[in-house]
């Protein structure tokens, strides 16, 4: 589920608009926030 959502859809769709660097950064930040605690988020 998480790979389909974050890498398979979010990252790829953001990459089409902003390029790989921005897409990777945003996806990583959202994936960290998604886990809802600091240790796990890092």
ModelCIF file with pLDDT and N, C-alpha, C, O atoms, coordinates in Angstrom:
data_MODEL
#
_entry.id   MODEL 
#
_entity.id                         1 
_entity.type                       polymer 
_entity.pdbx_number_of_molecules   1 
#
_entity_poly.entity_id                      1 
_entity_poly.type                           'polypeptide(L)' 
_entity_poly.nstd_linkage                   no 
_entity_poly.nstd_monomer                   no 
_entity_poly.pdbx_seq_one_letter_code       
;(UNK)(UNK)(UNK)(UNK)(UNK)(UNK)(UNK)(UNK)(UNK)(UNK)(UNK)(UNK)(UNK)(UNK)(UNK)(UNK)
(UNK)(UNK)(UNK)(UNK)(UNK)(UNK)(UNK)(UNK)(UNK)(UNK)(UNK)(UNK)(UNK)(UNK)(UNK)(UNK)
(UNK)(UNK)(UNK)(UNK)(UNK)(UNK)(UNK)(UNK)(UNK)(UNK)
;
_entity_poly.pdbx_seq_one_letter_code_can   XXXXXXXXXXXXXXXXXXXXXXXXXXXXXXXXXXXXXXXXXX 
_entity_poly.pdbx_strand_id                 A 
#
loop_
_entity_poly_seq.entity_id 
_entity_poly_seq.num 
_entity_poly_seq.mon_id 
_entity_poly_seq.hetero 
1 1  UNK n 
1 2  UNK n 
1 3  UNK n 
1 4  UNK n 
1 5  UNK n 
1 6  UNK n 
1 7  UNK n 
1 8  UNK n 
1 9  UNK n 
1 10 UNK n 
1 11 UNK n 
1 12 UNK n 
1 13 UNK n 
1 14 UNK n 
1 15 UNK n 
1 16 UNK n 
1 17 UNK n 
1 18 UNK n 
1 19 UNK n 
1 20 UNK n 
1 21 UNK n 
1 22 UNK n 
1 23 UNK n 
1 24 UNK n 
1 25 UNK n 
1 26 UNK n 
1 27 UNK n 
1 28 UNK n 
1 29 UNK n 
1 30 UNK n 
1 31 UNK n 
1 32 UNK n 
1 33 UNK n 
1 34 UNK n 
1 35 UNK n 
1 36 UNK n 
1 37 UNK n 
1 38 UNK n 
1 39 UNK n 
1 40 UNK n 
1 41 UNK n 
1 42 UNK n 
#
_struct_asym.id          A 
_struct_asym.entity_id   1 
#
loop_
_ma_qa_metric.id 
_ma_qa_metric.mode 
_ma_qa_metric.name 
_ma_qa_metric.software_group_id 
_ma_qa_metric.type 
1 global pLDDT . pLDDT 
2 local  pLDDT . pLDDT 
#
_ma_qa_metric_global.metric_id      1 
_ma_qa_metric_global.metric_value   95.67 
_ma_qa_metric_global.model_id       1 
_ma_qa_metric_global.ordinal_id     1 
#
loop_
_ma_qa_metric_local.label_asym_id 
_ma_qa_metric_local.label_comp_id 
_ma_qa_metric_local.label_seq_id 
_ma_qa_metric_local.metric_id 
_ma_qa_metric_local.metric_value 
_ma_qa_metric_local.model_id 
_ma_qa_metric_local.ordinal_id 
A UNK 1  2 98.00 1 1  
A UNK 2  2 98.00 1 2  
A UNK 3  2 98.00 1 3  
A UNK 4  2 98.00 1 4  
A UNK 5  2 98.00 1 5  
A UNK 6  2 98.00 1 6  
A UNK 7  2 97.00 1 7  
A UNK 8  2 96.00 1 8  
A UNK 9  2 97.00 1 9  
A UNK 10 2 98.00 1 10 
A UNK 11 2 98.00 1 11 
A UNK 12 2 96.00 1 12 
A UNK 13 2 96.00 1 13 
A UNK 14 2 97.00 1 14 
A UNK 15 2 96.00 1 15 
A UNK 16 2 93.00 1 16 
A UNK 17 2 95.00 1 17 
A UNK 18 2 96.00 1 18 
A UNK 19 2 95.00 1 19 
A UNK 20 2 95.00 1 20 
A UNK 21 2 97.00 1 21 
A UNK 22 2 97.00 1 22 
A UNK 23 2 98.00 1 23 
A UNK 24 2 98.00 1 24 
A UNK 25 2 98.00 1 25 
A UNK 26 2 98.00 1 26 
A UNK 27 2 98.00 1 27 
A UNK 28 2 98.00 1 28 
A UNK 29 2 97.00 1 29 
A UNK 30 2 98.00 1 30 
A UNK 31 2 97.00 1 31 
A UNK 32 2 96.00 1 32 
A UNK 33 2 96.00 1 33 
A UNK 34 2 95.00 1 34 
A UNK 35 2 91.00 1 35 
A UNK 36 2 87.00 1 36 
A UNK 37 2 88.00 1 37 
A UNK 38 2 90.00 1 38 
A UNK 39 2 88.00 1 39 
A UNK 40 2 91.00 1 40 
A UNK 41 2 94.00 1 41 
A UNK 42 2 95.00 1 42 
#
loop_
_atom_site.group_PDB 
_atom_site.id 
_atom_site.type_symbol 
_atom_site.label_atom_id 
_atom_site.label_alt_id 
_atom_site.label_comp_id 
_atom_site.label_asym_id 
_atom_site.label_entity_id 
_atom_site.label_seq_id 
_atom_site.pdbx_PDB_ins_code 
_atom_site.Cartn_x 
_atom_site.Cartn_y 
_atom_site.Cartn_z 
_atom_site.occupancy 
_atom_site.B_iso_or_equiv 
_atom_site.pdbx_formal_charge 
_atom_site.auth_seq_id 
_atom_site.auth_comp_id 
_atom_site.auth_asym_id 
_atom_site.auth_atom_id 
_atom_site.pdbx_PDB_model_num 
ATOM 1   N N  . UNK A 1 1  ? 0.824  -1.209 0.000   1.00 98.00 ? 1  UNK A N  1 
ATOM 2   C CA . UNK A 1 1  ? 0.000  0.000  0.000   1.00 98.00 ? 1  UNK A CA 1 
ATOM 3   C C  . UNK A 1 1  ? 0.858  1.259  0.000   1.00 98.00 ? 1  UNK A C  1 
ATOM 4   O O  . UNK A 1 1  ? 0.623  2.168  -0.796  1.00 98.00 ? 1  UNK A O  1 
ATOM 5   N N  . UNK A 1 2  ? 1.847  1.321  0.882   1.00 98.00 ? 2  UNK A N  1 
ATOM 6   C CA . UNK A 1 2  ? 2.652  2.531  1.011   1.00 98.00 ? 2  UNK A CA 1 
ATOM 7   C C  . UNK A 1 2  ? 3.494  2.795  -0.227  1.00 98.00 ? 2  UNK A C  1 
ATOM 8   O O  . UNK A 1 2  ? 3.659  3.949  -0.623  1.00 98.00 ? 2  UNK A O  1 
ATOM 9   N N  . UNK A 1 3  ? 4.026  1.755  -0.844  1.00 98.00 ? 3  UNK A N  1 
ATOM 10  C CA . UNK A 1 3  ? 4.828  1.979  -2.052  1.00 98.00 ? 3  UNK A CA 1 
ATOM 11  C C  . UNK A 1 3  ? 3.962  2.378  -3.240  1.00 98.00 ? 3  UNK A C  1 
ATOM 12  O O  . UNK A 1 3  ? 4.366  3.216  -4.046  1.00 98.00 ? 3  UNK A O  1 
ATOM 13  N N  . UNK A 1 4  ? 2.784  1.790  -3.354  1.00 98.00 ? 4  UNK A N  1 
ATOM 14  C CA . UNK A 1 4  ? 1.876  2.212  -4.430  1.00 98.00 ? 4  UNK A CA 1 
ATOM 15  C C  . UNK A 1 4  ? 1.484  3.674  -4.256  1.00 98.00 ? 4  UNK A C  1 
ATOM 16  O O  . UNK A 1 4  ? 1.446  4.426  -5.230  1.00 98.00 ? 4  UNK A O  1 
ATOM 17  N N  . UNK A 1 5  ? 1.193  4.081  -3.021  1.00 98.00 ? 5  UNK A N  1 
ATOM 18  C CA . UNK A 1 5  ? 0.756  5.456  -2.766  1.00 98.00 ? 5  UNK A CA 1 
ATOM 19  C C  . UNK A 1 5  ? 1.905  6.448  -2.938  1.00 98.00 ? 5  UNK A C  1 
ATOM 20  O O  . UNK A 1 5  ? 1.786  7.412  -3.695  1.00 98.00 ? 5  UNK A O  1 
ATOM 21  N N  . UNK A 1 6  ? 3.018  6.215  -2.236  1.00 98.00 ? 6  UNK A N  1 
ATOM 22  C CA . UNK A 1 6  ? 4.046  7.243  -2.133  1.00 98.00 ? 6  UNK A CA 1 
ATOM 23  C C  . UNK A 1 6  ? 5.061  7.223  -3.276  1.00 98.00 ? 6  UNK A C  1 
ATOM 24  O O  . UNK A 1 6  ? 5.425  8.283  -3.786  1.00 98.00 ? 6  UNK A O  1 
ATOM 25  N N  . UNK A 1 7  ? 5.520  6.054  -3.685  1.00 97.00 ? 7  UNK A N  1 
ATOM 26  C CA . UNK A 1 7  ? 6.466  6.025  -4.791  1.00 97.00 ? 7  UNK A CA 1 
ATOM 27  C C  . UNK A 1 7  ? 5.759  5.801  -6.132  1.00 97.00 ? 7  UNK A C  1 
ATOM 28  O O  . UNK A 1 7  ? 6.079  6.460  -7.122  1.00 97.00 ? 7  UNK A O  1 
ATOM 29  N N  . UNK A 1 8  ? 4.809  4.879  -6.162  1.00 96.00 ? 8  UNK A N  1 
ATOM 30  C CA . UNK A 1 8  ? 4.156  4.557  -7.419  1.00 96.00 ? 8  UNK A CA 1 
ATOM 31  C C  . UNK A 1 8  ? 3.254  5.641  -7.961  1.00 96.00 ? 8  UNK A C  1 
ATOM 32  O O  . UNK A 1 8  ? 3.115  5.771  -9.177  1.00 96.00 ? 8  UNK A O  1 
ATOM 33  N N  . UNK A 1 9  ? 2.630  6.429  -7.084  1.00 97.00 ? 9  UNK A N  1 
ATOM 34  C CA . UNK A 1 9  ? 1.705  7.468  -7.535  1.00 97.00 ? 9  UNK A CA 1 
ATOM 35  C C  . UNK A 1 9  ? 2.186  8.876  -7.181  1.00 97.00 ? 9  UNK A C  1 
ATOM 36  O O  . UNK A 1 9  ? 2.377  9.703  -8.073  1.00 97.00 ? 9  UNK A O  1 
ATOM 37  N N  . UNK A 1 10 ? 2.385  9.156  -5.890  1.00 98.00 ? 10 UNK A N  1 
ATOM 38  C CA . UNK A 1 10 ? 2.757  10.518 -5.488  1.00 98.00 ? 10 UNK A CA 1 
ATOM 39  C C  . UNK A 1 10 ? 4.081  10.962 -6.119  1.00 98.00 ? 10 UNK A C  1 
ATOM 40  O O  . UNK A 1 10 ? 4.143  12.015 -6.753  1.00 98.00 ? 10 UNK A O  1 
ATOM 41  N N  . UNK A 1 11 ? 5.125  10.174 -5.947  1.00 98.00 ? 11 UNK A N  1 
ATOM 42  C CA . UNK A 1 11 ? 6.436  10.570 -6.471  1.00 98.00 ? 11 UNK A CA 1 
ATOM 43  C C  . UNK A 1 11 ? 6.414  10.737 -7.987  1.00 98.00 ? 11 UNK A C  1 
ATOM 44  O O  . UNK A 1 11 ? 6.879  11.747 -8.517  1.00 98.00 ? 11 UNK A O  1 
ATOM 45  N N  . UNK A 1 12 ? 5.878  9.751  -8.671  1.00 96.00 ? 12 UNK A N  1 
ATOM 46  C CA . UNK A 1 12 ? 5.869  9.792  -10.137 1.00 96.00 ? 12 UNK A CA 1 
ATOM 47  C C  . UNK A 1 12 ? 5.050  10.969 -10.653 1.00 96.00 ? 12 UNK A C  1 
ATOM 48  O O  . UNK A 1 12 ? 5.471  11.642 -11.594 1.00 96.00 ? 12 UNK A O  1 
ATOM 49  N N  . UNK A 1 13 ? 3.900  11.228 -10.062 1.00 96.00 ? 13 UNK A N  1 
ATOM 50  C CA . UNK A 1 13 ? 3.047  12.329 -10.520 1.00 96.00 ? 13 UNK A CA 1 
ATOM 51  C C  . UNK A 1 13 ? 3.666  13.684 -10.206 1.00 96.00 ? 13 UNK A C  1 
ATOM 52  O O  . UNK A 1 13 ? 3.563  14.613 -11.007 1.00 96.00 ? 13 UNK A O  1 
ATOM 53  N N  . UNK A 1 14 ? 4.303  13.805 -9.057  1.00 97.00 ? 14 UNK A N  1 
ATOM 54  C CA . UNK A 1 14 ? 5.001  15.056 -8.734  1.00 97.00 ? 14 UNK A CA 1 
ATOM 55  C C  . UNK A 1 14 ? 6.215  15.246 -9.646  1.00 97.00 ? 14 UNK A C  1 
ATOM 56  O O  . UNK A 1 14 ? 6.532  16.370 -10.035 1.00 97.00 ? 14 UNK A O  1 
ATOM 57  N N  . UNK A 1 15 ? 6.882  14.163 -9.979  1.00 96.00 ? 15 UNK A N  1 
ATOM 58  C CA . UNK A 1 15 ? 8.061  14.229 -10.849 1.00 96.00 ? 15 UNK A CA 1 
ATOM 59  C C  . UNK A 1 15 ? 7.689  14.768 -12.227 1.00 96.00 ? 15 UNK A C  1 
ATOM 60  O O  . UNK A 1 15 ? 8.465  15.508 -12.832 1.00 96.00 ? 15 UNK A O  1 
ATOM 61  N N  . UNK A 1 16 ? 6.530  14.408 -12.720 1.00 93.00 ? 16 UNK A N  1 
ATOM 62  C CA . UNK A 1 16 ? 6.097  14.897 -14.033 1.00 93.00 ? 16 UNK A CA 1 
ATOM 63  C C  . UNK A 1 16 ? 5.904  16.406 -14.038 1.00 93.00 ? 16 UNK A C  1 
ATOM 64  O O  . UNK A 1 16 ? 6.045  17.056 -15.074 1.00 93.00 ? 16 UNK A O  1 
ATOM 65  N N  . UNK A 1 17 ? 5.579  16.964 -12.864 1.00 95.00 ? 17 UNK A N  1 
ATOM 66  C CA . UNK A 1 17 ? 5.352  18.406 -12.776 1.00 95.00 ? 17 UNK A CA 1 
ATOM 67  C C  . UNK A 1 17 ? 6.596  19.178 -12.357 1.00 95.00 ? 17 UNK A C  1 
ATOM 68  O O  . UNK A 1 17 ? 6.868  20.248 -12.901 1.00 95.00 ? 17 UNK A O  1 
ATOM 69  N N  . UNK A 1 18 ? 7.358  18.650 -11.397 1.00 96.00 ? 18 UNK A N  1 
ATOM 70  C CA . UNK A 1 18 ? 8.427  19.437 -10.781 1.00 96.00 ? 18 UNK A CA 1 
ATOM 71  C C  . UNK A 1 18 ? 9.829  18.869 -10.979 1.00 96.00 ? 18 UNK A C  1 
ATOM 72  O O  . UNK A 1 18 ? 10.811 19.526 -10.634 1.00 96.00 ? 18 UNK A O  1 
ATOM 73  N N  . UNK A 1 19 ? 9.938  17.672 -11.526 1.00 95.00 ? 19 UNK A N  1 
ATOM 74  C CA . UNK A 1 19 ? 11.243 17.043 -11.644 1.00 95.00 ? 19 UNK A CA 1 
ATOM 75  C C  . UNK A 1 19 ? 11.544 16.149 -10.459 1.00 95.00 ? 19 UNK A C  1 
ATOM 76  O O  . UNK A 1 19 ? 10.851 16.195 -9.443  1.00 95.00 ? 19 UNK A O  1 
ATOM 77  N N  . UNK A 1 20 ? 12.595 15.323 -10.591 1.00 95.00 ? 20 UNK A N  1 
ATOM 78  C CA . UNK A 1 20 ? 12.885 14.304 -9.596  1.00 95.00 ? 20 UNK A CA 1 
ATOM 79  C C  . UNK A 1 20 ? 13.286 14.827 -8.228  1.00 95.00 ? 20 UNK A C  1 
ATOM 80  O O  . UNK A 1 20 ? 12.855 14.282 -7.211  1.00 95.00 ? 20 UNK A O  1 
ATOM 81  N N  . UNK A 1 21 ? 14.103 15.875 -8.182  1.00 97.00 ? 21 UNK A N  1 
ATOM 82  C CA . UNK A 1 21 ? 14.612 16.369 -6.901  1.00 97.00 ? 21 UNK A CA 1 
ATOM 83  C C  . UNK A 1 21 ? 13.491 16.885 -6.007  1.00 97.00 ? 21 UNK A C  1 
ATOM 84  O O  . UNK A 1 21 ? 13.408 16.524 -4.833  1.00 97.00 ? 21 UNK A O  1 
ATOM 85  N N  . UNK A 1 22 ? 12.638 17.724 -6.563  1.00 97.00 ? 22 UNK A N  1 
ATOM 86  C CA . UNK A 1 22 ? 11.523 18.278 -5.801  1.00 97.00 ? 22 UNK A CA 1 
ATOM 87  C C  . UNK A 1 22 ? 10.541 17.168 -5.418  1.00 97.00 ? 22 UNK A C  1 
ATOM 88  O O  . UNK A 1 22 ? 10.058 17.119 -4.287  1.00 97.00 ? 22 UNK A O  1 
ATOM 89  N N  . UNK A 1 23 ? 10.254 16.282 -6.367  1.00 98.00 ? 23 UNK A N  1 
ATOM 90  C CA . UNK A 1 23 ? 9.315  15.191 -6.109  1.00 98.00 ? 23 UNK A CA 1 
ATOM 91  C C  . UNK A 1 23 ? 9.814  14.292 -4.981  1.00 98.00 ? 23 UNK A C  1 
ATOM 92  O O  . UNK A 1 23 ? 9.031  13.879 -4.125  1.00 98.00 ? 23 UNK A O  1 
ATOM 93  N N  . UNK A 1 24 ? 11.117 13.985 -4.975  1.00 98.00 ? 24 UNK A N  1 
ATOM 94  C CA . UNK A 1 24 ? 11.688 13.133 -3.926  1.00 98.00 ? 24 UNK A CA 1 
ATOM 95  C C  . UNK A 1 24 ? 11.609 13.814 -2.568  1.00 98.00 ? 24 UNK A C  1 
ATOM 96  O O  . UNK A 1 24 ? 11.285 13.174 -1.568  1.00 98.00 ? 24 UNK A O  1 
ATOM 97  N N  . UNK A 1 25 ? 11.906 15.121 -2.527  1.00 98.00 ? 25 UNK A N  1 
ATOM 98  C CA . UNK A 1 25 ? 11.869 15.862 -1.267  1.00 98.00 ? 25 UNK A CA 1 
ATOM 99  C C  . UNK A 1 25 ? 10.447 15.910 -0.704  1.00 98.00 ? 25 UNK A C  1 
ATOM 100 O O  . UNK A 1 25 ? 10.238 15.619 0.473   1.00 98.00 ? 25 UNK A O  1 
ATOM 101 N N  . UNK A 1 26 ? 9.484  16.271 -1.527  1.00 98.00 ? 26 UNK A N  1 
ATOM 102 C CA . UNK A 1 26 ? 8.097  16.389 -1.068  1.00 98.00 ? 26 UNK A CA 1 
ATOM 103 C C  . UNK A 1 26 ? 7.558  15.022 -0.643  1.00 98.00 ? 26 UNK A C  1 
ATOM 104 O O  . UNK A 1 26 ? 6.901  14.903 0.391   1.00 98.00 ? 26 UNK A O  1 
ATOM 105 N N  . UNK A 1 27 ? 7.836  14.002 -1.439  1.00 98.00 ? 27 UNK A N  1 
ATOM 106 C CA . UNK A 1 27 ? 7.375  12.651 -1.101  1.00 98.00 ? 27 UNK A CA 1 
ATOM 107 C C  . UNK A 1 27 ? 7.961  12.194 0.227   1.00 98.00 ? 27 UNK A C  1 
ATOM 108 O O  . UNK A 1 27 ? 7.257  11.612 1.052   1.00 98.00 ? 27 UNK A O  1 
ATOM 109 N N  . UNK A 1 28 ? 9.256  12.459 0.435   1.00 98.00 ? 28 UNK A N  1 
ATOM 110 C CA . UNK A 1 28 ? 9.899  12.083 1.694   1.00 98.00 ? 28 UNK A CA 1 
ATOM 111 C C  . UNK A 1 28 ? 9.295  12.803 2.884   1.00 98.00 ? 28 UNK A C  1 
ATOM 112 O O  . UNK A 1 28 ? 9.073  12.199 3.933   1.00 98.00 ? 28 UNK A O  1 
ATOM 113 N N  . UNK A 1 29 ? 9.027  14.101 2.726   1.00 97.00 ? 29 UNK A N  1 
ATOM 114 C CA . UNK A 1 29 ? 8.429  14.881 3.813   1.00 97.00 ? 29 UNK A CA 1 
ATOM 115 C C  . UNK A 1 29 ? 7.027  14.377 4.149   1.00 97.00 ? 29 UNK A C  1 
ATOM 116 O O  . UNK A 1 29 ? 6.685  14.205 5.319   1.00 97.00 ? 29 UNK A O  1 
ATOM 117 N N  . UNK A 1 30 ? 6.225  14.143 3.121   1.00 98.00 ? 30 UNK A N  1 
ATOM 118 C CA . UNK A 1 30 ? 4.853  13.658 3.344   1.00 98.00 ? 30 UNK A CA 1 
ATOM 119 C C  . UNK A 1 30 ? 4.874  12.263 3.949   1.00 98.00 ? 30 UNK A C  1 
ATOM 120 O O  . UNK A 1 30 ? 4.063  11.951 4.821   1.00 98.00 ? 30 UNK A O  1 
ATOM 121 N N  . UNK A 1 31 ? 5.797  11.421 3.493   1.00 97.00 ? 31 UNK A N  1 
ATOM 122 C CA . UNK A 1 31 ? 5.908  10.065 4.023   1.00 97.00 ? 31 UNK A CA 1 
ATOM 123 C C  . UNK A 1 31 ? 6.311  10.099 5.491   1.00 97.00 ? 31 UNK A C  1 
ATOM 124 O O  . UNK A 1 31 ? 5.839  9.284  6.284   1.00 97.00 ? 31 UNK A O  1 
ATOM 125 N N  . UNK A 1 32 ? 7.179  11.034 5.856   1.00 96.00 ? 32 UNK A N  1 
ATOM 126 C CA . UNK A 1 32 ? 7.573  11.178 7.250   1.00 96.00 ? 32 UNK A CA 1 
ATOM 127 C C  . UNK A 1 32 ? 6.431  11.658 8.117   1.00 96.00 ? 32 UNK A C  1 
ATOM 128 O O  . UNK A 1 32 ? 6.193  11.113 9.195   1.00 96.00 ? 32 UNK A O  1 
ATOM 129 N N  . UNK A 1 33 ? 5.711  12.690 7.649   1.00 96.00 ? 33 UNK A N  1 
ATOM 130 C CA . UNK A 1 33 ? 4.566  13.225 8.400   1.00 96.00 ? 33 UNK A CA 1 
ATOM 131 C C  . UNK A 1 33 ? 3.476  12.172 8.545   1.00 96.00 ? 33 UNK A C  1 
ATOM 132 O O  . UNK A 1 33 ? 2.817  12.089 9.581   1.00 96.00 ? 33 UNK A O  1 
ATOM 133 N N  . UNK A 1 34 ? 3.292  11.374 7.509   1.00 95.00 ? 34 UNK A N  1 
ATOM 134 C CA . UNK A 1 34 ? 2.278  10.321 7.494   1.00 95.00 ? 34 UNK A CA 1 
ATOM 135 C C  . UNK A 1 34 ? 2.433  9.358  8.670   1.00 95.00 ? 34 UNK A C  1 
ATOM 136 O O  . UNK A 1 34 ? 1.443  8.805  9.150   1.00 95.00 ? 34 UNK A O  1 
ATOM 137 N N  . UNK A 1 35 ? 3.660  9.153  9.137   1.00 91.00 ? 35 UNK A N  1 
ATOM 138 C CA . UNK A 1 35 ? 3.888  8.215  10.236  1.00 91.00 ? 35 UNK A CA 1 
ATOM 139 C C  . UNK A 1 35 ? 3.580  8.816  11.604  1.00 91.00 ? 35 UNK A C  1 
ATOM 140 O O  . UNK A 1 35 ? 3.494  8.083  12.589  1.00 91.00 ? 35 UNK A O  1 
ATOM 141 N N  . UNK A 1 36 ? 3.413  10.122 11.684  1.00 87.00 ? 36 UNK A N  1 
ATOM 142 C CA . UNK A 1 36 ? 2.834  10.806 12.842  1.00 87.00 ? 36 UNK A CA 1 
ATOM 143 C C  . UNK A 1 36 ? 3.599  10.662 14.160  1.00 87.00 ? 36 UNK A C  1 
ATOM 144 O O  . UNK A 1 36 ? 2.996  10.732 15.231  1.00 87.00 ? 36 UNK A O  1 
ATOM 145 N N  . UNK A 1 37 ? 4.908  10.463 14.095  1.00 88.00 ? 37 UNK A N  1 
ATOM 146 C CA . UNK A 1 37 ? 5.746  10.606 15.280  1.00 88.00 ? 37 UNK A CA 1 
ATOM 147 C C  . UNK A 1 37 ? 7.153  10.933 14.812  1.00 88.00 ? 37 UNK A C  1 
ATOM 148 O O  . UNK A 1 37 ? 7.535  10.585 13.694  1.00 88.00 ? 37 UNK A O  1 
ATOM 149 N N  . UNK A 1 38 ? 7.922  11.598 15.658  1.00 90.00 ? 38 UNK A N  1 
ATOM 150 C CA . UNK A 1 38 ? 9.202  12.164 15.234  1.00 90.00 ? 38 UNK A CA 1 
ATOM 151 C C  . UNK A 1 38 ? 10.217 11.087 14.855  1.00 90.00 ? 38 UNK A C  1 
ATOM 152 O O  . UNK A 1 38 ? 10.821 11.153 13.784  1.00 90.00 ? 38 UNK A O  1 
ATOM 153 N N  . UNK A 1 39 ? 10.406 10.105 15.722  1.00 88.00 ? 39 UNK A N  1 
ATOM 154 C CA . UNK A 1 39 ? 11.411 9.071  15.449  1.00 88.00 ? 39 UNK A CA 1 
ATOM 155 C C  . UNK A 1 39 ? 11.110 8.333  14.156  1.00 88.00 ? 39 UNK A C  1 
ATOM 156 O O  . UNK A 1 39 ? 11.979 8.182  13.297  1.00 88.00 ? 39 UNK A O  1 
ATOM 157 N N  . UNK A 1 40 ? 9.895  7.885  14.029  1.00 91.00 ? 40 UNK A N  1 
ATOM 158 C CA . UNK A 1 40 ? 9.490  7.149  12.842  1.00 91.00 ? 40 UNK A CA 1 
ATOM 159 C C  . UNK A 1 40 ? 9.515  8.056  11.616  1.00 91.00 ? 40 UNK A C  1 
ATOM 160 O O  . UNK A 1 40 ? 9.845  7.612  10.516  1.00 91.00 ? 40 UNK A O  1 
ATOM 161 N N  . UNK A 1 41 ? 9.166  9.324  11.808  1.00 94.00 ? 41 UNK A N  1 
ATOM 162 C CA . UNK A 1 41 ? 9.151  10.273 10.696  1.00 94.00 ? 41 UNK A CA 1 
ATOM 163 C C  . UNK A 1 41 ? 10.535 10.502 10.121  1.00 94.00 ? 41 UNK A C  1 
ATOM 164 O O  . UNK A 1 41 ? 10.696 10.585 8.904   1.00 94.00 ? 41 UNK A O  1 
ATOM 165 N N  . UNK A 1 42 ? 11.542 10.607 10.987  1.00 95.00 ? 42 UNK A N  1 
ATOM 166 C CA . UNK A 1 42 ? 12.922 10.796 10.517  1.00 95.00 ? 42 UNK A CA 1 
ATOM 167 C C  . UNK A 1 42 ? 13.355 9.592  9.692   1.00 95.00 ? 42 UNK A C  1 
ATOM 168 O O  . UNK A 1 42 ? 14.484 9.553  9.204   1.00 95.00 ? 42 UNK A O  1 
#
